């Protein structure tokens, strides 16, 4: 049975996009990424079509997944560049983890997600303009594993 919308809760149960923190995790240490202004991570499932005789429906077989995302923010330090610059010279990529914590209300608790083996798609070195703006960066990334460390209370 479908619940009427008014039985699903009120607006106080929604979680503000500002009620989250993003951390880089290197060498087991969580480094707050306070300059982050936008973060997005997505898992895209890969499926193969399965056609069978006598059935007109196309069925699908799950065969894997790919983790991608993007992150942007203000340039306030050299952490991203210093982590990646050695990889450019040595060919040995220094992957890291991203930890995101979403803060719900007192009843909901928090949700924490760990993205492992993160690899930046590009290294933002500069984006300068002759206006009175603030220096920002934006980059895409991939990740190879995901874990739900803490989940919201029911």
Foldseek 3Di string as FASTA:
>chain_A
DDDPPVVVDDPLQDFDPVQKWKFWADPNDTHTPVFWDDKDKDKDWDWDWDDDPPDPDIDIDTDGIWMKMKIKGFDDDCVQVVQQVVCVVPVDHRFIKMKMKGQHDPQFGIKIKIFARKDWPDRDDFDDDPDPDTTMDMTMITGDDMDTPDGTDD
